[in-house]
Amino acid sequence: RFKDPNGNKYLLCYHGQEGVKPCVSLTYLKDGTRNHKQVIVE
């Protein structure tokens, strides 16, 4: 879990696969929206 400079809280979430690699993004805890792009990780 993370905070931004304004105190908003986010959860680093798994959002499925892109091919064979997993994708994650930060999800805003207040309303569940993804405010940041989904990124492929190892």
PDB file of all heavy atoms in Angstrom:
ATOM      1  N   ARG A   1       0.842  -1.205   0.000  1.00  0.00           N
ATOM      2  CA  ARG A   1       0.000   0.000   0.000  1.00  0.00           C
ATOM      3  C   ARG A   1       0.873   1.249   0.000  1.00  0.00           C
ATOM      4  O   ARG A   1       1.927   1.267   0.622  1.00  0.00           O
ATOM      5  CB  ARG A   1      -0.935  -0.010   1.202  1.00  0.00           C
ATOM      6  CG  ARG A   1      -1.948  -1.130   1.082  1.00  0.00           C
ATOM      7  CD  ARG A   1      -2.832  -1.203   2.294  1.00  0.00           C
ATOM      8  NE  ARG A   1      -3.738  -2.328   2.157  1.00  0.00           N
ATOM      9  CZ  ARG A   1      -5.030  -2.269   2.425  1.00  0.00           C
ATOM     10  NH1 ARG A   1      -5.571  -1.145   2.855  1.00  0.00           N
ATOM     11  NH2 ARG A   1      -5.778  -3.326   2.286  1.00  0.00           N
ATOM     12  N   PHE A   2       0.366   2.283  -0.678  1.00  0.00           N
ATOM     13  CA  PHE A   2       1.122   3.508  -0.881  1.00  0.00           C
ATOM     14  C   PHE A   2       0.260   4.728  -0.615  1.00  0.00           C
ATOM     15  O   PHE A   2      -0.961   4.664  -0.702  1.00  0.00           O
ATOM     16  CB  PHE A   2       1.633   3.577  -2.332  1.00  0.00           C
ATOM     17  CG  PHE A   2       2.539   2.445  -2.689  1.00  0.00           C
ATOM     18  CD1 PHE A   2       2.039   1.225  -3.107  1.00  0.00           C
ATOM     19  CD2 PHE A   2       3.909   2.592  -2.585  1.00  0.00           C
ATOM     20  CE1 PHE A   2       2.876   0.173  -3.410  1.00  0.00           C
ATOM     21  CE2 PHE A   2       4.763   1.556  -2.888  1.00  0.00           C
ATOM     22  CZ  PHE A   2       4.243   0.337  -3.313  1.00  0.00           C
ATOM     23  N   LYS A   3       0.936   5.856  -0.305  1.00  0.00           N
ATOM     24  CA  LYS A   3       0.277   7.159  -0.181  1.00  0.00           C
ATOM     25  C   LYS A   3       0.915   8.103  -1.183  1.00  0.00           C
ATOM     26  O   LYS A   3       2.118   8.031  -1.427  1.00  0.00           O
ATOM     27  CB  LYS A   3       0.491   7.750   1.215  1.00  0.00           C
ATOM     28  CG  LYS A   3      -0.317   7.116   2.299  1.00  0.00           C
ATOM     29  CD  LYS A   3      -0.068   7.860   3.602  1.00  0.00           C
ATOM     30  CE  LYS A   3      -0.770   7.204   4.756  1.00  0.00           C
ATOM     31  NZ  LYS A   3      -0.470   7.877   6.019  1.00  0.00           N
ATOM     32  N   ASP A   4       0.084   9.015  -1.715  1.00  0.00           N
ATOM     33  CA  ASP A   4       0.634  10.091  -2.540  1.00  0.00           C
ATOM     34  C   ASP A   4       0.853  11.312  -1.640  1.00  0.00           C
ATOM     35  O   ASP A   4       0.502  11.279  -0.453  1.00  0.00           O
ATOM     36  CB  ASP A   4      -0.247  10.374  -3.764  1.00  0.00           C
ATOM     37  CG  ASP A   4      -1.601  10.982  -3.423  1.00  0.00           C
ATOM     38  OD1 ASP A   4      -1.816  11.446  -2.277  1.00  0.00           O
ATOM     39  OD2 ASP A   4      -2.469  10.998  -4.313  1.00  0.00           O
ATOM     40  N   PRO A   5       1.430  12.388  -2.154  1.00  0.00           N
ATOM     41  CA  PRO A   5       1.700  13.568  -1.314  1.00  0.00           C
ATOM     42  C   PRO A   5       0.452  14.197  -0.687  1.00  0.00           C
ATOM     43  O   PRO A   5       0.553  14.898   0.315  1.00  0.00           O
ATOM     44  CB  PRO A   5       2.368  14.550  -2.284  1.00  0.00           C
ATOM     45  CG  PRO A   5       2.993  13.678  -3.320  1.00  0.00           C
ATOM     46  CD  PRO A   5       2.039  12.532  -3.477  1.00  0.00           C
ATOM     47  N   ASN A   6      -0.738  13.931  -1.252  1.00  0.00           N
ATOM     48  CA  ASN A   6      -1.985  14.469  -0.700  1.00  0.00           C
ATOM     49  C   ASN A   6      -2.615  13.556   0.343  1.00  0.00           C
ATOM     50  O   ASN A   6      -3.694  13.847   0.854  1.00  0.00           O
ATOM     51  CB  ASN A   6      -2.991  14.723  -1.820  1.00  0.00           C
ATOM     52  CG  ASN A   6      -2.497  15.773  -2.780  1.00  0.00           C
ATOM     53  OD1 ASN A   6      -1.893  16.754  -2.371  1.00  0.00           O
ATOM     54  ND2 ASN A   6      -2.728  15.551  -4.066  1.00  0.00           N
ATOM     55  N   GLY A   7      -1.976  12.409   0.638  1.00  0.00           N
ATOM     56  CA  GLY A   7      -2.507  11.477   1.626  1.00  0.00           C
ATOM     57  C   GLY A   7      -3.464  10.452   1.060  1.00  0.00           C
ATOM     58  O   GLY A   7      -4.003   9.640   1.802  1.00  0.00           O
ATOM     59  N   ASN A   8      -3.715  10.474  -0.251  1.00  0.00           N
ATOM     60  CA  ASN A   8      -4.567   9.460  -0.880  1.00  0.00           C
ATOM     61  C   ASN A   8      -3.862   8.112  -0.825  1.00  0.00           C
ATOM     62  O   ASN A   8      -2.649   8.032  -1.013  1.00  0.00           O
ATOM     63  CB  ASN A   8      -4.867   9.832  -2.330  1.00  0.00           C
ATOM     64  CG  ASN A   8      -5.637  11.115  -2.430  1.00  0.00           C
ATOM     65  OD1 ASN A   8      -6.617  11.331  -1.736  1.00  0.00           O
ATOM     66  ND2 ASN A   8      -5.173  12.008  -3.297  1.00  0.00           N
ATOM     67  N   LYS A   9      -4.625   7.056  -0.591  1.00  0.00           N
ATOM     68  CA  LYS A   9      -4.044   5.731  -0.419  1.00  0.00           C
ATOM     69  C   LYS A   9      -4.347   4.838  -1.623  1.00  0.00           C
ATOM     70  O   LYS A   9      -5.447   4.877  -2.177  1.00  0.00           O
ATOM     71  CB  LYS A   9      -4.581   5.089   0.858  1.00  0.00           C
ATOM     72  CG  LYS A   9      -4.142   5.846   2.094  1.00  0.00           C
ATOM     73  CD  LYS A   9      -4.662   5.205   3.355  1.00  0.00           C
ATOM     74  CE  LYS A   9      -4.185   5.964   4.584  1.00  0.00           C
ATOM     75  NZ  LYS A   9      -4.662   5.340   5.819  1.00  0.00           N
ATOM     76  N   TYR A  10      -3.345   4.006  -1.974  1.00  0.00           N
ATOM     77  CA  TYR A  10      -3.425   3.131  -3.138  1.00  0.00           C
ATOM     78  C   TYR A  10      -2.944   1.734  -2.781  1.00  0.00           C
ATOM     79  O   TYR A  10      -2.110   1.559  -1.900  1.00  0.00           O
ATOM     80  CB  TYR A  10      -2.542   3.663  -4.272  1.00  0.00           C
ATOM     81  CG  TYR A  10      -2.964   5.023  -4.755  1.00  0.00           C
ATOM     82  CD1 TYR A  10      -2.531   6.175  -4.106  1.00  0.00           C
ATOM     83  CD2 TYR A  10      -3.801   5.157  -5.843  1.00  0.00           C
ATOM     84  CE1 TYR A  10      -2.926   7.429  -4.539  1.00  0.00           C
ATOM     85  CE2 TYR A  10      -4.198   6.405  -6.284  1.00  0.00           C
ATOM     86  CZ  TYR A  10      -3.756   7.540  -5.623  1.00  0.00           C
ATOM     87  OH  TYR A  10      -4.153   8.771  -6.056  1.00  0.00           O
ATOM     88  N   LEU A  11      -3.474   0.757  -3.501  1.00  0.00           N
ATOM     89  CA  LEU A  11      -3.078  -0.637  -3.352  1.00  0.00           C
ATOM     90  C   LEU A  11      -2.444  -1.097  -4.659  1.00  0.00           C
ATOM     91  O   LEU A  11      -2.989  -0.827  -5.738  1.00  0.00           O
ATOM     92  CB  LEU A  11      -4.318  -1.487  -3.033  1.00  0.00           C
ATOM     93  CG  LEU A  11      -4.119  -2.982  -2.888  1.00  0.00           C
ATOM     94  CD1 LEU A  11      -3.276  -3.299  -1.652  1.00  0.00           C
ATOM     95  CD2 LEU A  11      -5.476  -3.670  -2.790  1.00  0.00           C
ATOM     96  N   LEU A  12      -1.306  -1.759  -4.577  1.00  0.00           N
ATOM     97  CA  LEU A  12      -0.665  -2.317  -5.764  1.00  0.00           C
ATOM     98  C   LEU A  12      -1.361  -3.638  -6.076  1.00  0.00           C
ATOM     99  O   LEU A  12      -1.282  -4.585  -5.294  1.00  0.00           O
ATOM    100  CB  LEU A  12       0.823  -2.518  -5.513  1.00  0.00           C
ATOM    101  CG  LEU A  12       1.689  -2.942  -6.682  1.00  0.00           C
ATOM    102  CD1 LEU A  12       1.549  -1.987  -7.866  1.00  0.00           C
ATOM    103  CD2 LEU A  12       3.137  -3.034  -6.253  1.00  0.00           C
ATOM    104  N   CYS A  13      -2.091  -3.679  -7.197  1.00  0.00           N
ATOM    105  CA  CYS A  13      -2.965  -4.815  -7.525  1.00  0.00           C
ATOM    106  C   CYS A  13      -2.535  -5.547  -8.786  1.00  0.00           C
ATOM    107  O   CYS A  13      -2.058  -4.940  -9.744  1.00  0.00           O
ATOM    108  CB  CYS A  13      -4.385  -4.323  -7.759  1.00  0.00           C
ATOM    109  SG  CYS A  13      -5.179  -3.682  -6.302  1.00  0.00           S
ATOM    110  N   TYR A  14      -2.805  -6.832  -8.791  1.00  0.00           N
ATOM    111  CA  TYR A  14      -2.636  -7.684  -9.970  1.00  0.00           C
ATOM    112  C   TYR A  14      -3.897  -7.550 -10.818  1.00  0.00           C
ATOM    113  O   TYR A  14      -5.005  -7.609 -10.302  1.00  0.00           O
ATOM    114  CB  TYR A  14      -2.453  -9.132  -9.502  1.00  0.00           C
ATOM    115  CG  TYR A  14      -2.554 -10.160 -10.588  1.00  0.00           C
ATOM    116  CD1 TYR A  14      -1.529 -10.329 -11.505  1.00  0.00           C
ATOM    117  CD2 TYR A  14      -3.672 -10.977 -10.695  1.00  0.00           C
ATOM    118  CE1 TYR A  14      -1.607 -11.290 -12.498  1.00  0.00           C
ATOM    119  CE2 TYR A  14      -3.767 -11.934 -11.682  1.00  0.00           C
ATOM    120  CZ  TYR A  14      -2.730 -12.083 -12.583  1.00  0.00           C
ATOM    121  OH  TYR A  14      -2.813 -13.029 -13.569  1.00  0.00           O
ATOM    122  N   HIS A  15      -3.715  -7.366 -12.133  1.00  0.00           N
ATOM    123  CA  HIS A  15      -4.877  -7.179 -13.003  1.00  0.00           C
ATOM    124  C   HIS A  15      -4.925  -8.143 -14.181  1.00  0.00           C
ATOM    125  O   HIS A  15      -5.494  -7.820 -15.218  1.00  0.00           O
ATOM    126  CB  HIS A  15      -4.910  -5.738 -13.531  1.00  0.00           C
ATOM    127  CG  HIS A  15      -5.272  -4.744 -12.486  1.00  0.00           C
ATOM    128  ND1 HIS A  15      -6.524  -4.648 -11.938  1.00  0.00           N
ATOM    129  CD2 HIS A  15      -4.519  -3.834 -11.835  1.00  0.00           C
ATOM    130  CE1 HIS A  15      -6.539  -3.713 -11.021  1.00  0.00           C
ATOM    131  NE2 HIS A  15      -5.332  -3.204 -10.932  1.00  0.00           N
ATOM    132  N   GLY A  16      -4.325  -9.316 -14.045  1.00  0.00           N
ATOM    133  CA  GLY A  16      -4.388 -10.302 -15.107  1.00  0.00           C
ATOM    134  C   GLY A  16      -3.099 -10.375 -15.903  1.00  0.00           C
ATOM    135  O   GLY A  16      -2.081  -9.815 -15.536  1.00  0.00           O
ATOM    136  N   GLN A  17      -3.183 -11.084 -17.015  1.00  0.00           N
ATOM    137  CA  GLN A  17      -2.019 -11.361 -17.840  1.00  0.00           C
ATOM    138  C   GLN A  17      -2.042 -10.570 -19.137  1.00  0.00           C
ATOM    139  O   GLN A  17      -3.109 -10.296 -19.683  1.00  0.00           O
ATOM    140  CB  GLN A  17      -1.975 -12.844 -18.200  1.00  0.00           C
ATOM    141  CG  GLN A  17      -1.902 -13.783 -17.021  1.00  0.00           C
ATOM    142  CD  GLN A  17      -0.513 -13.924 -16.466  1.00  0.00           C
ATOM    143  OE1 GLN A  17      -0.304 -13.621 -15.308  1.00  0.00           O
ATOM    144  NE2 GLN A  17       0.424 -14.361 -17.247  1.00  0.00           N
ATOM    145  N   GLU A  18      -0.860 -10.234 -19.618  1.00  0.00           N
ATOM    146  CA  GLU A  18      -0.685  -9.688 -20.963  1.00  0.00           C
ATOM    147  C   GLU A  18       0.233 -10.692 -21.640  1.00  0.00           C
ATOM    148  O   GLU A  18       1.442 -10.683 -21.428  1.00  0.00           O
ATOM    149  CB  GLU A  18      -0.053  -8.293 -20.905  1.00  0.00           C
ATOM    150  CG  GLU A  18       0.187  -7.665 -22.238  1.00  0.00           C
ATOM    151  CD  GLU A  18      -1.099  -7.255 -22.948  1.00  0.00           C
ATOM    152  OE1 GLU A  18      -2.061  -6.833 -22.272  1.00  0.00           O
ATOM    153  OE2 GLU A  18      -1.131  -7.368 -24.176  1.00  0.00           O
ATOM    154  N   GLY A  19      -0.354 -11.616 -22.399  1.00  0.00           N
ATOM    155  CA  GLY A  19       0.425 -12.730 -22.928  1.00  0.00           C
ATOM    156  C   GLY A  19       0.749 -13.668 -21.781  1.00  0.00           C
ATOM    157  O   GLY A  19      -0.134 -14.173 -21.122  1.00  0.00           O
ATOM    158  N   VAL A  20       2.039 -13.860 -21.522  1.00  0.00           N
ATOM    159  CA  VAL A  20       2.441 -14.766 -20.439  1.00  0.00           C
ATOM    160  C   VAL A  20       2.912 -14.012 -19.200  1.00  0.00           C
ATOM    161  O   VAL A  20       3.278 -14.620 -18.204  1.00  0.00           O
ATOM    162  CB  VAL A  20       3.570 -15.726 -20.900  1.00  0.00           C
ATOM    163  CG1 VAL A  20       3.079 -16.636 -21.992  1.00  0.00           C
ATOM    164  CG2 VAL A  20       4.794 -14.955 -21.347  1.00  0.00           C
ATOM    165  N   LYS A  21       2.924 -12.681 -19.233  1.00  0.00           N
ATOM    166  CA  LYS A  21       3.429 -11.901 -18.107  1.00  0.00           C
ATOM    167  C   LYS A  21       2.298 -11.200 -17.359  1.00  0.00           C
ATOM    168  O   LYS A  21       1.316 -10.771 -17.952  1.00  0.00           O
ATOM    169  CB  LYS A  21       4.440 -10.881 -18.597  1.00  0.00           C
ATOM    170  CG  LYS A  21       5.644 -11.565 -19.220  1.00  0.00           C
ATOM    171  CD  LYS A  21       6.829 -10.702 -19.193  1.00  0.00           C
ATOM    172  CE  LYS A  21       8.004 -11.503 -19.727  1.00  0.00           C
ATOM    173  NZ  LYS A  21       9.173 -10.715 -19.877  1.00  0.00           N
ATOM    174  N   PRO A  22       2.452 -11.074 -16.038  1.00  0.00           N
ATOM    175  CA  PRO A  22       1.415 -10.420 -15.229  1.00  0.00           C
ATOM    176  C   PRO A  22       1.415  -8.900 -15.381  1.00  0.00           C
ATOM    177  O   PRO A  22       2.434  -8.296 -15.684  1.00  0.00           O
ATOM    178  CB  PRO A  22       1.789 -10.818 -13.805  1.00  0.00           C
ATOM    179  CG  PRO A  22       3.252 -11.086 -13.846  1.00  0.00           C
ATOM    180  CD  PRO A  22       3.549 -11.593 -15.225  1.00  0.00           C
ATOM    181  N   CYS A  23       0.253  -8.303 -15.152  1.00  0.00           N
ATOM    182  CA  CYS A  23       0.087  -6.847 -15.177  1.00  0.00           C
ATOM    183  C   CYS A  23      -0.354  -6.373 -13.804  1.00  0.00           C
ATOM    184  O   CYS A  23      -1.170  -7.016 -13.148  1.00  0.00           O
ATOM    185  CB  CYS A  23      -0.984  -6.441 -16.184  1.00  0.00           C
ATOM    186  SG  CYS A  23      -0.564  -6.803 -17.868  1.00  0.00           S
ATOM    187  N   VAL A  24       0.185  -5.230 -13.383  1.00  0.00           N
ATOM    188  CA  VAL A  24      -0.182  -4.631 -12.100  1.00  0.00           C
ATOM    189  C   VAL A  24      -0.435  -3.142 -12.284  1.00  0.00           C
ATOM    190  O   VAL A  24      -0.009  -2.540 -13.271  1.00  0.00           O
ATOM    191  CB  VAL A  24       0.914  -4.839 -11.028  1.00  0.00           C
ATOM    192  CG1 VAL A  24       1.082  -6.302 -10.693  1.00  0.00           C
ATOM    193  CG2 VAL A  24       2.232  -4.225 -11.453  1.00  0.00           C
ATOM    194  N   SER A  25      -1.135  -2.552 -11.331  1.00  0.00           N
ATOM    195  CA  SER A  25      -1.332  -1.106 -11.322  1.00  0.00           C
ATOM    196  C   SER A  25      -1.661  -0.668  -9.903  1.00  0.00           C
ATOM    197  O   SER A  25      -1.930  -1.491  -9.033  1.00  0.00           O
ATOM    198  CB  SER A  25      -2.462  -0.691 -12.275  1.00  0.00           C
ATOM    199  OG  SER A  25      -3.709  -1.083 -11.761  1.00  0.00           O
ATOM    200  N   LEU A  26      -1.640   0.644  -9.680  1.00  0.00           N
ATOM    201  CA  LEU A  26      -2.058   1.206  -8.399  1.00  0.00           C
ATOM    202  C   LEU A  26      -3.548   1.496  -8.461  1.00  0.00           C
ATOM    203  O   LEU A  26      -4.022   2.133  -9.396  1.00  0.00           O
ATOM    204  CB  LEU A  26      -1.285   2.497  -8.108  1.00  0.00           C
ATOM    205  CG  LEU A  26       0.174   2.310  -7.721  1.00  0.00           C
ATOM    206  CD1 LEU A  26       0.881   3.655  -7.664  1.00  0.00           C
ATOM    207  CD2 LEU A  26       0.302   1.596  -6.395  1.00  0.00           C
ATOM    208  N   THR A  27      -4.270   1.012  -7.465  1.00  0.00           N
ATOM    209  CA  THR A  27      -5.712   1.196  -7.390  1.00  0.00           C
ATOM    210  C   THR A  27      -6.028   2.087  -6.200  1.00  0.00           C
ATOM    211  O   THR A  27      -5.574   1.838  -5.080  1.00  0.00           O
ATOM    212  CB  THR A  27      -6.416  -0.168  -7.247  1.00  0.00           C
ATOM    213  OG1 THR A  27      -6.076  -0.968  -8.381  1.00  0.00           O
ATOM    214  CG2 THR A  27      -7.918  -0.006  -7.171  1.00  0.00           C
ATOM    215  N   TYR A  28      -6.823   3.126  -6.456  1.00  0.00           N
ATOM    216  CA  TYR A  28      -7.210   4.095  -5.423  1.00  0.00           C
ATOM    217  C   TYR A  28      -8.146   3.398  -4.441  1.00  0.00           C
ATOM    218  O   TYR A  28      -9.194   2.866  -4.822  1.00  0.00           O
ATOM    219  CB  TYR A  28      -7.887   5.273  -6.106  1.00  0.00           C
ATOM    220  CG  TYR A  28      -8.247   6.442  -5.225  1.00  0.00           C
ATOM    221  CD1 TYR A  28      -7.411   6.879  -4.208  1.00  0.00           C
ATOM    222  CD2 TYR A  28      -9.420   7.138  -5.445  1.00  0.00           C
ATOM    223  CE1 TYR A  28      -7.750   7.966  -3.425  1.00  0.00           C
ATOM    224  CE2 TYR A  28      -9.766   8.239  -4.667  1.00  0.00           C
ATOM    225  CZ  TYR A  28      -8.925   8.640  -3.660  1.00  0.00           C
ATOM    226  OH  TYR A  28      -9.258   9.721  -2.884  1.00  0.00           O
ATOM    227  N   LEU A  29      -7.782   3.381  -3.159  1.00  0.00           N
ATOM    228  CA  LEU A  29      -8.562   2.644  -2.169  1.00  0.00           C
ATOM    229  C   LEU A  29      -9.928   3.253  -1.876  1.00  0.00           C
ATOM    230  O   LEU A  29     -10.851   2.547  -1.482  1.00  0.00           O
ATOM    231  CB  LEU A  29      -7.773   2.503  -0.867  1.00  0.00           C
ATOM    232  CG  LEU A  29      -6.606   1.508  -0.935  1.00  0.00           C
ATOM    233  CD1 LEU A  29      -5.836   1.523   0.382  1.00  0.00           C
ATOM    234  CD2 LEU A  29      -7.099   0.115  -1.244  1.00  0.00           C
ATOM    235  N   LYS A  30     -10.091   4.549  -2.090  1.00  0.00           N
ATOM    236  CA  LYS A  30     -11.365   5.199  -1.765  1.00  0.00           C
ATOM    237  C   LYS A  30     -12.500   4.705  -2.667  1.00  0.00           C
ATOM    238  O   LYS A  30     -13.607   4.467  -2.202  1.00  0.00           O
ATOM    239  CB  LYS A  30     -11.229   6.713  -1.879  1.00  0.00           C
ATOM    240  CG  LYS A  30     -12.450   7.457  -1.397  1.00  0.00           C
ATOM    241  CD  LYS A  30     -12.192   8.946  -1.361  1.00  0.00           C
ATOM    242  CE  LYS A  30     -13.388   9.678  -0.790  1.00  0.00           C
ATOM    243  NZ  LYS A  30     -13.130  11.115  -0.696  1.00  0.00           N
ATOM    244  N   ASP A  31     -12.218   4.551  -3.981  1.00  0.00           N
ATOM    245  CA  ASP A  31     -13.314   4.152  -4.885  1.00  0.00           C
ATOM    246  C   ASP A  31     -12.967   3.014  -5.844  1.00  0.00           C
ATOM    247  O   ASP A  31     -13.778   2.638  -6.675  1.00  0.00           O
ATOM    248  CB  ASP A  31     -13.803   5.360  -5.692  1.00  0.00           C
ATOM    249  CG  ASP A  31     -12.741   5.957  -6.592  1.00  0.00           C
ATOM    250  OD1 ASP A  31     -11.675   5.345  -6.780  1.00  0.00           O
ATOM    251  OD2 ASP A  31     -12.978   7.065  -7.107  1.00  0.00           O
ATOM    252  N   GLY A  32     -11.757   2.443  -5.724  1.00  0.00           N
ATOM    253  CA  GLY A  32     -11.395   1.288  -6.543  1.00  0.00           C
ATOM    254  C   GLY A  32     -10.978   1.597  -7.971  1.00  0.00           C
ATOM    255  O   GLY A  32     -10.788   0.681  -8.760  1.00  0.00           O
ATOM    256  N   THR A  33     -10.812   2.863  -8.303  1.00  0.00           N
ATOM    257  CA  THR A  33     -10.410   3.205  -9.669  1.00  0.00           C
ATOM    258  C   THR A  33      -8.902   3.042  -9.835  1.00  0.00           C
ATOM    259  O   THR A  33      -8.137   3.198  -8.886  1.00  0.00           O
ATOM    260  CB  THR A  33     -10.784   4.655 -10.048  1.00  0.00           C
ATOM    261  OG1 THR A  33     -10.159   5.544  -9.112  1.00  0.00           O
ATOM    262  CG2 THR A  33     -12.272   4.855 -10.053  1.00  0.00           C
ATOM    263  N   ARG A  34      -8.520   2.717 -11.066  1.00  0.00           N
ATOM    264  CA  ARG A  34      -7.095   2.645 -11.405  1.00  0.00           C
ATOM    265  C   ARG A  34      -6.699   4.012 -11.917  1.00  0.00           C
ATOM    266  O   ARG A  34      -7.071   4.407 -13.004  1.00  0.00           O
ATOM    267  CB  ARG A  34      -6.857   1.610 -12.501  1.00  0.00           C
ATOM    268  CG  ARG A  34      -6.946   0.210 -12.005  1.00  0.00           C
ATOM    269  CD  ARG A  34      -6.569  -0.730 -13.118  1.00  0.00           C
ATOM    270  NE  ARG A  34      -7.629  -1.715 -13.239  1.00  0.00           N
ATOM    271  CZ  ARG A  34      -7.798  -2.515 -14.250  1.00  0.00           C
ATOM    272  NH1 ARG A  34      -6.994  -2.450 -15.280  1.00  0.00           N
ATOM    273  NH2 ARG A  34      -8.769  -3.379 -14.267  1.00  0.00           N
ATOM    274  N   ASN A  35      -5.970   4.742 -11.124  1.00  0.00           N
ATOM    275  CA  ASN A  35      -5.571   6.096 -11.501  1.00  0.00           C
ATOM    276  C   ASN A  35      -4.252   6.126 -12.233  1.00  0.00           C
ATOM    277  O   ASN A  35      -3.803   7.180 -12.647  1.00  0.00           O
ATOM    278  CB  ASN A  35      -5.470   6.981 -10.256  1.00  0.00           C
ATOM    279  CG  ASN A  35      -6.817   7.217  -9.628  1.00  0.00           C
ATOM    280  OD1 ASN A  35      -7.824   6.747 -10.125  1.00  0.00           O
ATOM    281  ND2 ASN A  35      -6.848   7.934  -8.536  1.00  0.00           N
ATOM    282  N   HIS A  36      -3.613   4.994 -12.373  1.00  0.00           N
ATOM    283  CA  HIS A  36      -2.318   4.925 -13.016  1.00  0.00           C
ATOM    284  C   HIS A  36      -2.318   3.755 -13.995  1.00  0.00           C
ATOM    285  O   HIS A  36      -3.091   2.824 -13.863  1.00  0.00           O
ATOM    286  CB  HIS A  36      -1.212   4.800 -11.974  1.00  0.00           C
ATOM    287  CG  HIS A  36      -1.223   5.962 -11.040  1.00  0.00           C
ATOM    288  ND1 HIS A  36      -2.024   6.008  -9.934  1.00  0.00           N
ATOM    289  CD2 HIS A  36      -0.597   7.149 -11.101  1.00  0.00           C
ATOM    290  CE1 HIS A  36      -1.869   7.166  -9.346  1.00  0.00           C
ATOM    291  NE2 HIS A  36      -1.006   7.884 -10.029  1.00  0.00           N
ATOM    292  N   LYS A  37      -1.432   3.826 -14.948  1.00  0.00           N
ATOM    293  CA  LYS A  37      -1.451   2.831 -16.011  1.00  0.00           C
ATOM    294  C   LYS A  37      -1.107   1.431 -15.510  1.00  0.00           C
ATOM    295  O   LYS A  37      -0.405   1.263 -14.520  1.00  0.00           O
ATOM    296  CB  LYS A  37      -0.506   3.243 -17.129  1.00  0.00           C
ATOM    297  CG  LYS A  37       0.956   3.274 -16.754  1.00  0.00           C
ATOM    298  CD  LYS A  37       1.781   3.756 -17.933  1.00  0.00           C
ATOM    299  CE  LYS A  37       3.259   3.787 -17.571  1.00  0.00           C
ATOM    300  NZ  LYS A  37       4.069   4.206 -18.685  1.00  0.00           N
ATOM    301  N   GLN A  38      -1.631   0.461 -16.215  1.00  0.00           N
ATOM    302  CA  GLN A  38      -1.361  -0.938 -15.954  1.00  0.00           C
ATOM    303  C   GLN A  38      -0.032  -1.281 -16.629  1.00  0.00           C
ATOM    304  O   GLN A  38       0.188  -0.924 -17.778  1.00  0.00           O
ATOM    305  CB  GLN A  38      -2.500  -1.756 -16.547  1.00  0.00           C
ATOM    306  CG  GLN A  38      -2.489  -3.205 -16.197  1.00  0.00           C
ATOM    307  CD  GLN A  38      -3.798  -3.851 -16.600  1.00  0.00           C
ATOM    308  OE1 GLN A  38      -4.847  -3.488 -16.088  1.00  0.00           O
ATOM    309  NE2 GLN A  38      -3.735  -4.776 -17.510  1.00  0.00           N
ATOM    310  N   VAL A  39       0.870  -1.945 -15.909  1.00  0.00           N
ATOM    311  CA  VAL A  39       2.214  -2.208 -16.400  1.00  0.00           C
ATOM    312  C   VAL A  39       2.514  -3.704 -16.329  1.00  0.00           C
ATOM    313  O   VAL A  39       2.182  -4.363 -15.344  1.00  0.00           O
ATOM    314  CB  VAL A  39       3.253  -1.414 -15.568  1.00  0.00           C
ATOM    315  CG1 VAL A  39       4.661  -1.777 -15.949  1.00  0.00           C
ATOM    316  CG2 VAL A  39       3.024   0.081 -15.734  1.00  0.00           C
ATOM    317  N   ILE A  40       3.173  -4.216 -17.362  1.00  0.00           N
ATOM    318  CA  ILE A  40       3.618  -5.611 -17.382  1.00  0.00           C
ATOM    319  C   ILE A  40       4.870  -5.722 -16.524  1.00  0.00           C
ATOM    320  O   ILE A  40       5.791  -4.912 -16.645  1.00  0.00           O
ATOM    321  CB  ILE A  40       3.923  -6.054 -18.817  1.00  0.00           C
ATOM    322  CG1 ILE A  40       2.661  -5.987 -19.677  1.00  0.00           C
ATOM    323  CG2 ILE A  40       4.502  -7.470 -18.837  1.00  0.00           C
ATOM    324  CD1 ILE A  40       2.907  -6.152 -21.151  1.00  0.00           C
ATOM    325  N   VAL A  41       4.913  -6.730 -15.647  1.00  0.00           N
ATOM    326  CA  VAL A  41       6.074  -6.970 -14.782  1.00  0.00           C
ATOM    327  C   VAL A  41       6.516  -8.423 -14.921  1.00  0.00           C
ATOM    328  O   VAL A  41       5.759  -9.273 -15.397  1.00  0.00           O
ATOM    329  CB  VAL A  41       5.752  -6.643 -13.301  1.00  0.00           C
ATOM    330  CG1 VAL A  41       5.466  -5.161 -13.114  1.00  0.00           C
ATOM    331  CG2 VAL A  41       4.591  -7.471 -12.780  1.00  0.00           C
ATOM    332  N   GLU A  42       7.721  -8.703 -14.478  1.00  0.00           N
ATOM    333  CA  GLU A  42       8.233 -10.078 -14.515  1.00  0.00           C
ATOM    334  C   GLU A  42       7.574 -10.932 -13.430  1.00  0.00           C
ATOM    335  O   GLU A  42       7.283 -12.095 -13.650  1.00  0.00           O
ATOM    336  CB  GLU A  42       9.752 -10.089 -14.333  1.00  0.00           C
ATOM    337  CG  GLU A  42      10.511  -9.551 -15.521  1.00  0.00           C
ATOM    338  CD  GLU A  42      10.356 -10.395 -16.771  1.00  0.00           C
ATOM    339  OE1 GLU A  42      10.350 -11.638 -16.680  1.00  0.00           O
ATOM    340  OE2 GLU A  42      10.234  -9.802 -17.856  1.00  0.00           O
TER     341      GLU A  42
END
